[in-house]
Amino acid sequence: WNAAKRALEGGYRNVAWFPEGVDGWSDAGLPLAPAQP
């Protein structure tokens, strides 16, 4: 929520917030992949 708000305040005009995140994605049986920062 904070990061999406920060992106909006940075001037980005097409920001979507996905509150269920990785948990909701995994619960729906959708694929995950290892991530690196």
Full PDB file with SEQRES, HELIX, SHEET, SSBOND, CRYST1, ORIGX, SCALE, CONECT and MASTER records, all heavy atoms in Angstrom:
SEQRES   1 A   37  TRP ASN ALA ALA LYS ARG ALA LEU GLU GLY GLY TYR ARG          
SEQRES   2 A   37  ASN VAL ALA TRP PHE PRO GLU GLY VAL ASP GLY TRP SER          
SEQRES   3 A   37  ASP ALA GLY LEU PRO LEU ALA PRO ALA GLN PRO                  
HELIX    1 AA1 ASN A    2  GLU A    9  1                                   8    
HELIX    2 AA2 GLY A   21  ASP A   27  1                                   7    
CRYST1    1.000    1.000    1.000  90.00  90.00  90.00 P 1           1          
ORIGX1      1.000000  0.000000  0.000000        0.00000                         
ORIGX2      0.000000  1.000000  0.000000        0.00000                         
ORIGX3      0.000000  0.000000  1.000000        0.00000                         
SCALE1      1.000000  0.000000  0.000000        0.00000                         
SCALE2      0.000000  1.000000  0.000000        0.00000                         
SCALE3      0.000000  0.000000  1.000000        0.00000                         
ATOM      1  N   TRP A   1       0.843  -1.202   0.000  1.00  0.00           N  
ATOM      2  CA  TRP A   1       0.000   0.000   0.000  1.00  0.00           C  
ATOM      3  C   TRP A   1       0.880   1.254   0.000  1.00  0.00           C  
ATOM      4  O   TRP A   1       0.677   2.176  -0.794  1.00  0.00           O  
ATOM      5  CB  TRP A   1      -0.918  -0.017   1.227  1.00  0.00           C  
ATOM      6  CG  TRP A   1      -2.021   1.007   1.176  1.00  0.00           C  
ATOM      7  CD1 TRP A   1      -3.279   0.848   0.684  1.00  0.00           C  
ATOM      8  CD2 TRP A   1      -1.942   2.364   1.643  1.00  0.00           C  
ATOM      9  NE1 TRP A   1      -4.008   2.016   0.817  1.00  0.00           N  
ATOM     10  CE2 TRP A   1      -3.203   2.965   1.414  1.00  0.00           C  
ATOM     11  CE3 TRP A   1      -0.943   3.123   2.242  1.00  0.00           C  
ATOM     12  CZ2 TRP A   1      -3.483   4.288   1.743  1.00  0.00           C  
ATOM     13  CZ3 TRP A   1      -1.215   4.459   2.575  1.00  0.00           C  
ATOM     14  CH2 TRP A   1      -2.474   5.020   2.326  1.00  0.00           C  
ATOM     15  N   ASN A   2       1.876   1.281   0.878  1.00  0.00           N  
ATOM     16  CA  ASN A   2       2.790   2.422   0.939  1.00  0.00           C  
ATOM     17  C   ASN A   2       3.514   2.632  -0.386  1.00  0.00           C  
ATOM     18  O   ASN A   2       3.639   3.761  -0.879  1.00  0.00           O  
ATOM     19  CB  ASN A   2       3.839   2.199   2.034  1.00  0.00           C  
ATOM     20  CG  ASN A   2       3.338   2.537   3.430  1.00  0.00           C  
ATOM     21  OD1 ASN A   2       2.278   3.130   3.610  1.00  0.00           O  
ATOM     22  ND2 ASN A   2       4.103   2.147   4.435  1.00  0.00           N  
ATOM     23  N   ALA A   3       4.028   1.532  -0.954  1.00  0.00           N  
ATOM     24  CA  ALA A   3       4.806   1.651  -2.196  1.00  0.00           C  
ATOM     25  C   ALA A   3       3.941   2.123  -3.353  1.00  0.00           C  
ATOM     26  O   ALA A   3       4.381   2.930  -4.189  1.00  0.00           O  
ATOM     27  CB  ALA A   3       5.471   0.317  -2.525  1.00  0.00           C  
ATOM     28  N   ALA A   4       2.705   1.622  -3.426  1.00  0.00           N  
ATOM     29  CA  ALA A   4       1.813   2.071  -4.500  1.00  0.00           C  
ATOM     30  C   ALA A   4       1.484   3.553  -4.332  1.00  0.00           C  
ATOM     31  O   ALA A   4       1.448   4.312  -5.309  1.00  0.00           O  
ATOM     32  CB  ALA A   4       0.545   1.226  -4.508  1.00  0.00           C  
ATOM     33  N   LYS A   5       1.251   3.960  -3.104  1.00  0.00           N  
ATOM     34  CA  LYS A   5       0.991   5.387  -2.837  1.00  0.00           C  
ATOM     35  C   LYS A   5       2.206   6.226  -3.215  1.00  0.00           C  
ATOM     36  O   LYS A   5       2.088   7.307  -3.804  1.00  0.00           O  
ATOM     37  CB  LYS A   5       0.651   5.577  -1.350  1.00  0.00           C  
ATOM     38  CG  LYS A   5       0.337   7.016  -0.948  1.00  0.00           C  
ATOM     39  CD  LYS A   5      -0.021   7.076   0.529  1.00  0.00           C  
ATOM     40  CE  LYS A   5      -0.279   8.508   0.986  1.00  0.00           C  
ATOM     41  NZ  LYS A   5      -1.502   9.075   0.385  1.00  0.00           N  
ATOM     42  N   ARG A   6       3.387   5.713  -2.892  1.00  0.00           N  
ATOM     43  CA  ARG A   6       4.628   6.436  -3.206  1.00  0.00           C  
ATOM     44  C   ARG A   6       4.817   6.557  -4.720  1.00  0.00           C  
ATOM     45  O   ARG A   6       5.289   7.587  -5.223  1.00  0.00           O  
ATOM     46  CB  ARG A   6       5.801   5.706  -2.546  1.00  0.00           C  
ATOM     47  CG  ARG A   6       7.124   6.418  -2.610  1.00  0.00           C  
ATOM     48  CD  ARG A   6       8.126   5.801  -1.650  1.00  0.00           C  
ATOM     49  NE  ARG A   6       7.913   6.262  -0.281  1.00  0.00           N  
ATOM     50  CZ  ARG A   6       7.706   5.460   0.756  1.00  0.00           C  
ATOM     51  NH1 ARG A   6       7.704   4.143   0.598  1.00  0.00           N  
ATOM     52  NH2 ARG A   6       7.511   5.969   1.954  1.00  0.00           N  
ATOM     53  N   ALA A   7       4.464   5.500  -5.465  1.00  0.00           N  
ATOM     54  CA  ALA A   7       4.555   5.559  -6.931  1.00  0.00           C  
ATOM     55  C   ALA A   7       3.610   6.616  -7.488  1.00  0.00           C  
ATOM     56  O   ALA A   7       3.966   7.377  -8.399  1.00  0.00           O  
ATOM     57  CB  ALA A   7       4.242   4.190  -7.528  1.00  0.00           C  
ATOM     58  N   LEU A   8       2.399   6.683  -6.941  1.00  0.00           N  
ATOM     59  CA  LEU A   8       1.448   7.711  -7.378  1.00  0.00           C  
ATOM     60  C   LEU A   8       2.002   9.105  -7.114  1.00  0.00           C  
ATOM     61  O   LEU A   8       1.922   9.990  -7.973  1.00  0.00           O  
ATOM     62  CB  LEU A   8       0.125   7.538  -6.642  1.00  0.00           C  
ATOM     63  CG  LEU A   8      -0.747   6.344  -7.057  1.00  0.00           C  
ATOM     64  CD1 LEU A   8      -1.831   6.105  -6.017  1.00  0.00           C  
ATOM     65  CD2 LEU A   8      -1.361   6.582  -8.434  1.00  0.00           C  
ATOM     66  N   GLU A   9       2.565   9.291  -5.927  1.00  0.00           N  
ATOM     67  CA  GLU A   9       3.100  10.600  -5.588  1.00  0.00           C  
ATOM     68  C   GLU A   9       4.367  10.919  -6.384  1.00  0.00           C  
ATOM     69  O   GLU A   9       4.747  12.081  -6.508  1.00  0.00           O  
ATOM     70  CB  GLU A   9       3.363  10.677  -4.087  1.00  0.00           C  
ATOM     71  CG  GLU A   9       2.059  10.631  -3.286  1.00  0.00           C  
ATOM     72  CD  GLU A   9       2.253  10.798  -1.796  1.00  0.00           C  
ATOM     73  OE1 GLU A   9       3.418  10.786  -1.335  1.00  0.00           O  
ATOM     74  OE2 GLU A   9       1.239  10.929  -1.096  1.00  0.00           O  
ATOM     75  N   GLY A  10       4.985   9.871  -6.965  1.00  0.00           N  
ATOM     76  CA  GLY A  10       6.136  10.078  -7.844  1.00  0.00           C  
ATOM     77  C   GLY A  10       5.732  10.418  -9.266  1.00  0.00           C  
ATOM     78  O   GLY A  10       6.603  10.587 -10.128  1.00  0.00           O  
ATOM     79  N   GLY A  11       4.432  10.515  -9.522  1.00  0.00           N  
ATOM     80  CA  GLY A  11       3.969  10.950 -10.850  1.00  0.00           C  
ATOM     81  C   GLY A  11       3.478   9.836 -11.746  1.00  0.00           C  
ATOM     82  O   GLY A  11       3.053  10.101 -12.877  1.00  0.00           O  
ATOM     83  N   TYR A  12       3.491   8.588 -11.281  1.00  0.00           N  
ATOM     84  CA  TYR A  12       2.999   7.482 -12.110  1.00  0.00           C  
ATOM     85  C   TYR A  12       1.472   7.493 -12.100  1.00  0.00           C  
ATOM     86  O   TYR A  12       0.838   7.627 -11.055  1.00  0.00           O  
ATOM     87  CB  TYR A  12       3.568   6.153 -11.623  1.00  0.00           C  
ATOM     88  CG  TYR A  12       5.033   6.037 -11.931  1.00  0.00           C  
ATOM     89  CD1 TYR A  12       5.989   6.499 -11.025  1.00  0.00           C  
ATOM     90  CD2 TYR A  12       5.473   5.545 -13.157  1.00  0.00           C  
ATOM     91  CE1 TYR A  12       7.341   6.456 -11.325  1.00  0.00           C  
ATOM     92  CE2 TYR A  12       6.821   5.488 -13.466  1.00  0.00           C  
ATOM     93  CZ  TYR A  12       7.750   5.948 -12.544  1.00  0.00           C  
ATOM     94  OH  TYR A  12       9.098   5.917 -12.846  1.00  0.00           O  
ATOM     95  N   ARG A  13       0.900   7.374 -13.298  1.00  0.00           N  
ATOM     96  CA  ARG A  13      -0.543   7.610 -13.460  1.00  0.00           C  
ATOM     97  C   ARG A  13      -1.365   6.352 -13.640  1.00  0.00           C  
ATOM     98  O   ARG A  13      -2.593   6.426 -13.694  1.00  0.00           O  
ATOM     99  CB  ARG A  13      -0.756   8.522 -14.678  1.00  0.00           C  
ATOM    100  CG  ARG A  13      -0.084   9.873 -14.550  1.00  0.00           C  
ATOM    101  CD  ARG A  13      -0.164  10.649 -15.842  1.00  0.00           C  
ATOM    102  NE  ARG A  13       0.593  11.904 -15.766  1.00  0.00           N  
ATOM    103  CZ  ARG A  13       1.110  12.513 -16.812  1.00  0.00           C  
ATOM    104  NH1 ARG A  13       0.964  12.004 -18.015  1.00  0.00           N  
ATOM    105  NH2 ARG A  13       1.779  13.643 -16.654  1.00  0.00           N  
ATOM    106  N   ASN A  14      -0.705   5.223 -13.766  1.00  0.00           N  
ATOM    107  CA  ASN A  14      -1.443   3.974 -14.026  1.00  0.00           C  
ATOM    108  C   ASN A  14      -0.977   2.907 -13.034  1.00  0.00           C  
ATOM    109  O   ASN A  14      -0.423   1.886 -13.410  1.00  0.00           O  
ATOM    110  CB  ASN A  14      -1.206   3.535 -15.476  1.00  0.00           C  
ATOM    111  CG  ASN A  14      -2.233   2.543 -15.953  1.00  0.00           C  
ATOM    112  OD1 ASN A  14      -3.083   2.078 -15.185  1.00  0.00           O  
ATOM    113  ND2 ASN A  14      -2.159   2.176 -17.219  1.00  0.00           N  
ATOM    114  N   VAL A  15      -1.240   3.178 -11.756  1.00  0.00           N  
ATOM    115  CA  VAL A  15      -0.771   2.307 -10.679  1.00  0.00           C  
ATOM    116  C   VAL A  15      -1.925   1.421 -10.209  1.00  0.00           C  
ATOM    117  O   VAL A  15      -3.033   1.903  -9.949  1.00  0.00           O  
ATOM    118  CB  VAL A  15      -0.240   3.137  -9.495  1.00  0.00           C  
ATOM    119  CG1 VAL A  15       0.135   2.232  -8.322  1.00  0.00           C  
ATOM    120  CG2 VAL A  15       0.955   3.974  -9.942  1.00  0.00           C  
ATOM    121  N   ALA A  16      -1.652   0.140 -10.110  1.00  0.00           N  
ATOM    122  CA  ALA A  16      -2.620  -0.806  -9.547  1.00  0.00           C  
ATOM    123  C   ALA A  16      -2.008  -1.420  -8.298  1.00  0.00           C  
ATOM    124  O   ALA A  16      -0.823  -1.748  -8.263  1.00  0.00           O  
ATOM    125  CB  ALA A  16      -2.973  -1.888 -10.558  1.00  0.00           C  
ATOM    126  N   TRP A  17      -2.827  -1.573  -7.283  1.00  0.00           N  
ATOM    127  CA  TRP A  17      -2.401  -2.196  -6.032  1.00  0.00           C  
ATOM    128  C   TRP A  17      -3.058  -3.565  -5.944  1.00  0.00           C  
ATOM    129  O   TRP A  17      -4.271  -3.698  -6.108  1.00  0.00           O  
ATOM    130  CB  TRP A  17      -2.806  -1.319  -4.852  1.00  0.00           C  
ATOM    131  CG  TRP A  17      -2.582  -1.930  -3.504  1.00  0.00           C  
ATOM    132  CD1 TRP A  17      -1.475  -2.591  -3.072  1.00  0.00           C  
ATOM    133  CD2 TRP A  17      -3.503  -1.927  -2.398  1.00  0.00           C  
ATOM    134  NE1 TRP A  17      -1.632  -3.007  -1.775  1.00  0.00           N  
ATOM    135  CE2 TRP A  17      -2.871  -2.612  -1.334  1.00  0.00           C  
ATOM    136  CE3 TRP A  17      -4.778  -1.417  -2.207  1.00  0.00           C  
ATOM    137  CZ2 TRP A  17      -3.487  -2.803  -0.100  1.00  0.00           C  
ATOM    138  CZ3 TRP A  17      -5.389  -1.590  -0.986  1.00  0.00           C  
ATOM    139  CH2 TRP A  17      -4.751  -2.274   0.059  1.00  0.00           C  
ATOM    140  N   PHE A  18      -2.246  -4.600  -5.710  1.00  0.00           N  
ATOM    141  CA  PHE A  18      -2.724  -5.980  -5.615  1.00  0.00           C  
ATOM    142  C   PHE A  18      -2.568  -6.431  -4.167  1.00  0.00           C  
ATOM    143  O   PHE A  18      -1.544  -6.993  -3.789  1.00  0.00           O  
ATOM    144  CB  PHE A  18      -1.923  -6.854  -6.587  1.00  0.00           C  
ATOM    145  CG  PHE A  18      -2.231  -8.321  -6.527  1.00  0.00           C  
ATOM    146  CD1 PHE A  18      -3.494  -8.800  -6.209  1.00  0.00           C  
ATOM    147  CD2 PHE A  18      -1.235  -9.251  -6.828  1.00  0.00           C  
ATOM    148  CE1 PHE A  18      -3.765 -10.157  -6.157  1.00  0.00           C  
ATOM    149  CE2 PHE A  18      -1.494 -10.613  -6.799  1.00  0.00           C  
ATOM    150  CZ  PHE A  18      -2.761 -11.059  -6.449  1.00  0.00           C  
ATOM    151  N   PRO A  19      -3.573  -6.182  -3.305  1.00  0.00           N  
ATOM    152  CA  PRO A  19      -3.395  -6.429  -1.872  1.00  0.00           C  
ATOM    153  C   PRO A  19      -3.253  -7.891  -1.476  1.00  0.00           C  
ATOM    154  O   PRO A  19      -2.661  -8.187  -0.434  1.00  0.00           O  
ATOM    155  CB  PRO A  19      -4.652  -5.808  -1.248  1.00  0.00           C  
ATOM    156  CG  PRO A  19      -5.644  -5.714  -2.360  1.00  0.00           C  
ATOM    157  CD  PRO A  19      -4.857  -5.542  -3.612  1.00  0.00           C  
ATOM    158  N   GLU A  20      -3.787  -8.814  -2.271  1.00  0.00           N  
ATOM    159  CA  GLU A  20      -3.651 -10.233  -1.915  1.00  0.00           C  
ATOM    160  C   GLU A  20      -2.224 -10.733  -2.154  1.00  0.00           C  
ATOM    161  O   GLU A  20      -1.791 -11.712  -1.545  1.00  0.00           O  
ATOM    162  CB  GLU A  20      -4.635 -11.073  -2.731  1.00  0.00           C  
ATOM    163  CG  GLU A  20      -6.072 -10.924  -2.288  1.00  0.00           C  
ATOM    164  CD  GLU A  20      -6.278 -11.434  -0.873  1.00  0.00           C  
ATOM    165  OE1 GLU A  20      -6.065 -12.629  -0.644  1.00  0.00           O  
ATOM    166  OE2 GLU A  20      -6.648 -10.632  -0.004  1.00  0.00           O  
ATOM    167  N   GLY A  21      -1.507 -10.090  -3.049  1.00  0.00           N  
ATOM    168  CA  GLY A  21      -0.097 -10.376  -3.276  1.00  0.00           C  
ATOM    169  C   GLY A  21       0.235 -11.835  -3.544  1.00  0.00           C  
ATOM    170  O   GLY A  21      -0.571 -12.592  -4.093  1.00  0.00           O  
ATOM    171  N   VAL A  22       1.428 -12.209  -3.141  1.00  0.00           N  
ATOM    172  CA  VAL A  22       1.923 -13.561  -3.395  1.00  0.00           C  
ATOM    173  C   VAL A  22       1.037 -14.621  -2.726  1.00  0.00           C  
ATOM    174  O   VAL A  22       0.859 -15.715  -3.268  1.00  0.00           O  
ATOM    175  CB  VAL A  22       3.384 -13.688  -2.905  1.00  0.00           C  
ATOM    176  CG1 VAL A  22       3.864 -15.124  -2.979  1.00  0.00           C  
ATOM    177  CG2 VAL A  22       4.301 -12.811  -3.752  1.00  0.00           C  
ATOM    178  N   ASP A  23       0.457 -14.293  -1.585  1.00  0.00           N  
ATOM    179  CA  ASP A  23      -0.391 -15.262  -0.889  1.00  0.00           C  
ATOM    180  C   ASP A  23      -1.635 -15.596  -1.717  1.00  0.00           C  
ATOM    181  O   ASP A  23      -1.981 -16.769  -1.909  1.00  0.00           O  
ATOM    182  CB  ASP A  23      -0.806 -14.716   0.478  1.00  0.00           C  
ATOM    183  CG  ASP A  23       0.377 -14.521   1.399  1.00  0.00           C  
ATOM    184  OD1 ASP A  23       1.307 -15.337   1.361  1.00  0.00           O  
ATOM    185  OD2 ASP A  23       0.378 -13.538   2.159  1.00  0.00           O  
ATOM    186  N   GLY A  24      -2.313 -14.567  -2.189  1.00  0.00           N  
ATOM    187  CA  GLY A  24      -3.492 -14.807  -3.007  1.00  0.00           C  
ATOM    188  C   GLY A  24      -3.152 -15.499  -4.308  1.00  0.00           C  
ATOM    189  O   GLY A  24      -3.907 -16.368  -4.785  1.00  0.00           O  
ATOM    190  N   TRP A  25      -2.018 -15.130  -4.877  1.00  0.00           N  
ATOM    191  CA  TRP A  25      -1.549 -15.738  -6.122  1.00  0.00           C  
ATOM    192  C   TRP A  25      -1.314 -17.236  -5.926  1.00  0.00           C  
ATOM    193  O   TRP A  25      -1.773 -18.067  -6.717  1.00  0.00           O  
ATOM    194  CB  TRP A  25      -0.267 -15.035  -6.547  1.00  0.00           C  
ATOM    195  CG  TRP A  25       0.216 -15.332  -7.925  1.00  0.00           C  
ATOM    196  CD1 TRP A  25       1.082 -16.327  -8.302  1.00  0.00           C  
ATOM    197  CD2 TRP A  25      -0.106 -14.623  -9.122  1.00  0.00           C  
ATOM    198  NE1 TRP A  25       1.321 -16.275  -9.645  1.00  0.00           N  
ATOM    199  CE2 TRP A  25       0.605 -15.241 -10.186  1.00  0.00           C  
ATOM    200  CE3 TRP A  25      -0.914 -13.525  -9.399  1.00  0.00           C  
ATOM    201  CZ2 TRP A  25       0.522 -14.784 -11.506  1.00  0.00           C  
ATOM    202  CZ3 TRP A  25      -1.000 -13.073 -10.713  1.00  0.00           C  
ATOM    203  CH2 TRP A  25      -0.292 -13.695 -11.745  1.00  0.00           C  
ATOM    204  N   SER A  26      -0.609 -17.581  -4.858  1.00  0.00           N  
ATOM    205  CA  SER A  26      -0.314 -18.985  -4.575  1.00  0.00           C  
ATOM    206  C   SER A  26      -1.586 -19.766  -4.254  1.00  0.00           C  
ATOM    207  O   SER A  26      -1.765 -20.902  -4.707  1.00  0.00           O  
ATOM    208  CB  SER A  26       0.673 -19.074  -3.410  1.00  0.00           C  
ATOM    209  OG  SER A  26       0.927 -20.404  -3.057  1.00  0.00           O  
ATOM    210  N   ASP A  27      -2.488 -19.163  -3.478  1.00  0.00           N  
ATOM    211  CA  ASP A  27      -3.735 -19.831  -3.117  1.00  0.00           C  
ATOM    212  C   ASP A  27      -4.578 -20.159  -4.349  1.00  0.00           C  
ATOM    213  O   ASP A  27      -5.350 -21.129  -4.340  1.00  0.00           O  
ATOM    214  CB  ASP A  27      -4.553 -18.966  -2.159  1.00  0.00           C  
ATOM    215  CG  ASP A  27      -3.940 -18.884  -0.768  1.00  0.00           C  
ATOM    216  OD1 ASP A  27      -3.009 -19.664  -0.490  1.00  0.00           O  
ATOM    217  OD2 ASP A  27      -4.390 -18.031   0.022  1.00  0.00           O  
ATOM    218  N   ALA A  28      -4.441 -19.356  -5.394  1.00  0.00           N  
ATOM    219  CA  ALA A  28      -5.196 -19.581  -6.621  1.00  0.00           C  
ATOM    220  C   ALA A  28      -4.529 -20.616  -7.530  1.00  0.00           C  
ATOM    221  O   ALA A  28      -5.029 -20.890  -8.623  1.00  0.00           O  
ATOM    222  CB  ALA A  28      -5.366 -18.265  -7.380  1.00  0.00           C  
ATOM    223  N   GLY A  29      -3.399 -21.169  -7.087  1.00  0.00           N  
ATOM    224  CA  GLY A  29      -2.715 -22.183  -7.882  1.00  0.00           C  
ATOM    225  C   GLY A  29      -1.910 -21.617  -9.034  1.00  0.00           C  
ATOM    226  O   GLY A  29      -1.538 -22.357  -9.958  1.00  0.00           O  
ATOM    227  N   LEU A  30      -1.614 -20.320  -8.980  1.00  0.00           N  
ATOM    228  CA  LEU A  30      -0.840 -19.683 -10.050  1.00  0.00           C  
ATOM    229  C   LEU A  30       0.652 -19.888  -9.798  1.00  0.00           C  
ATOM    230  O   LEU A  30       1.086 -20.081  -8.657  1.00  0.00           O  
ATOM    231  CB  LEU A  30      -1.187 -18.194 -10.117  1.00  0.00           C  
ATOM    232  CG  LEU A  30      -2.633 -17.919 -10.547  1.00  0.00           C  
ATOM    233  CD1 LEU A  30      -3.047 -16.498 -10.194  1.00  0.00           C  
ATOM    234  CD2 LEU A  30      -2.795 -18.160 -12.048  1.00  0.00           C  
ATOM    235  N   PRO A  31       1.455 -19.838 -10.859  1.00  0.00           N  
ATOM    236  CA  PRO A  31       2.882 -20.187 -10.700  1.00  0.00           C  
ATOM    237  C   PRO A  31       3.675 -19.113  -9.956  1.00  0.00           C  
ATOM    238  O   PRO A  31       3.358 -17.926 -10.010  1.00  0.00           O  
ATOM    239  CB  PRO A  31       3.366 -20.302 -12.147  1.00  0.00           C  
ATOM    240  CG  PRO A  31       2.452 -19.431 -12.937  1.00  0.00           C  
ATOM    241  CD  PRO A  31       1.110 -19.549 -12.269  1.00  0.00           C  
ATOM    242  N   LEU A  32       4.719 -19.565  -9.297  1.00  0.00           N  
ATOM    243  CA  LEU A  32       5.675 -18.684  -8.641  1.00  0.00           C  
ATOM    244  C   LEU A  32       7.067 -19.038  -9.167  1.00  0.00           C  
ATOM    245  O   LEU A  32       7.300 -20.136  -9.666  1.00  0.00           O  
ATOM    246  CB  LEU A  32       5.646 -18.849  -7.133  1.00  0.00           C  
ATOM    247  CG  LEU A  32       4.352 -18.408  -6.422  1.00  0.00           C  
ATOM    248  CD1 LEU A  32       4.361 -18.877  -4.967  1.00  0.00           C  
ATOM    249  CD2 LEU A  32       4.183 -16.905  -6.495  1.00  0.00           C  
ATOM    250  N   ALA A  33       7.984 -18.098  -9.031  1.00  0.00           N  
ATOM    251  CA  ALA A  33       9.350 -18.320  -9.501  1.00  0.00           C  
ATOM    252  C   ALA A  33      10.321 -17.657  -8.531  1.00  0.00           C  
ATOM    253  O   ALA A  33       9.978 -16.642  -7.921  1.00  0.00           O  
ATOM    254  CB  ALA A  33       9.524 -17.751 -10.905  1.00  0.00           C  
ATOM    255  N   PRO A  34      11.530 -18.214  -8.383  1.00  0.00           N  
ATOM    256  CA  PRO A  34      12.516 -17.576  -7.500  1.00  0.00           C  
ATOM    257  C   PRO A  34      12.812 -16.152  -7.971  1.00  0.00           C  
ATOM    258  O   PRO A  34      12.932 -15.890  -9.181  1.00  0.00           O  
ATOM    259  CB  PRO A  34      13.741 -18.484  -7.637  1.00  0.00           C  
ATOM    260  CG  PRO A  34      13.214 -19.780  -8.104  1.00  0.00           C  
ATOM    261  CD  PRO A  34      12.031 -19.474  -8.976  1.00  0.00           C  
ATOM    262  N   ALA A  35      12.912 -15.234  -7.021  1.00  0.00           N  
ATOM    263  CA  ALA A  35      13.181 -13.838  -7.345  1.00  0.00           C  
ATOM    264  C   ALA A  35      14.483 -13.393  -6.702  1.00  0.00           C  
ATOM    265  O   ALA A  35      14.863 -13.884  -5.636  1.00  0.00           O  
ATOM    266  CB  ALA A  35      12.037 -12.960  -6.862  1.00  0.00           C  
ATOM    267  N   GLN A  36      15.146 -12.472  -7.368  1.00  0.00           N  
ATOM    268  CA  GLN A  36      16.351 -11.843  -6.832  1.00  0.00           C  
ATOM    269  C   GLN A  36      16.117 -10.342  -6.782  1.00  0.00           C  
ATOM    270  O   GLN A  36      15.513  -9.770  -7.679  1.00  0.00           O  
ATOM    271  CB  GLN A  36      17.566 -12.144  -7.722  1.00  0.00           C  
ATOM    272  CG  GLN A  36      17.973 -13.605  -7.743  1.00  0.00           C  
ATOM    273  CD  GLN A  36      18.445 -14.095  -6.392  1.00  0.00           C  
ATOM    274  OE1 GLN A  36      19.052 -13.351  -5.622  1.00  0.00           O  
ATOM    275  NE2 GLN A  36      18.148 -15.358  -6.084  1.00  0.00           N  
ATOM    276  N   PRO A  37      16.572  -9.682  -5.708  1.00  0.00           N  
ATOM    277  CA  PRO A  37      16.360  -8.225  -5.639  1.00  0.00           C  
ATOM    278  C   PRO A  37      17.108  -7.496  -6.741  1.00  0.00           C  
ATOM    279  O   PRO A  37      18.200  -7.922  -7.144  1.00  0.00           O  
ATOM    280  CB  PRO A  37      16.893  -7.847  -4.269  1.00  0.00           C  
ATOM    281  CG  PRO A  37      17.505  -9.058  -3.683  1.00  0.00           C  
ATOM    282  CD  PRO A  37      17.281 -10.214  -4.574  1.00  0.00           C  
TER     283      PRO A  37                                                      
MASTER        0    0    0    2    0    0    0    6  282    1    0    3          
END                                                                             
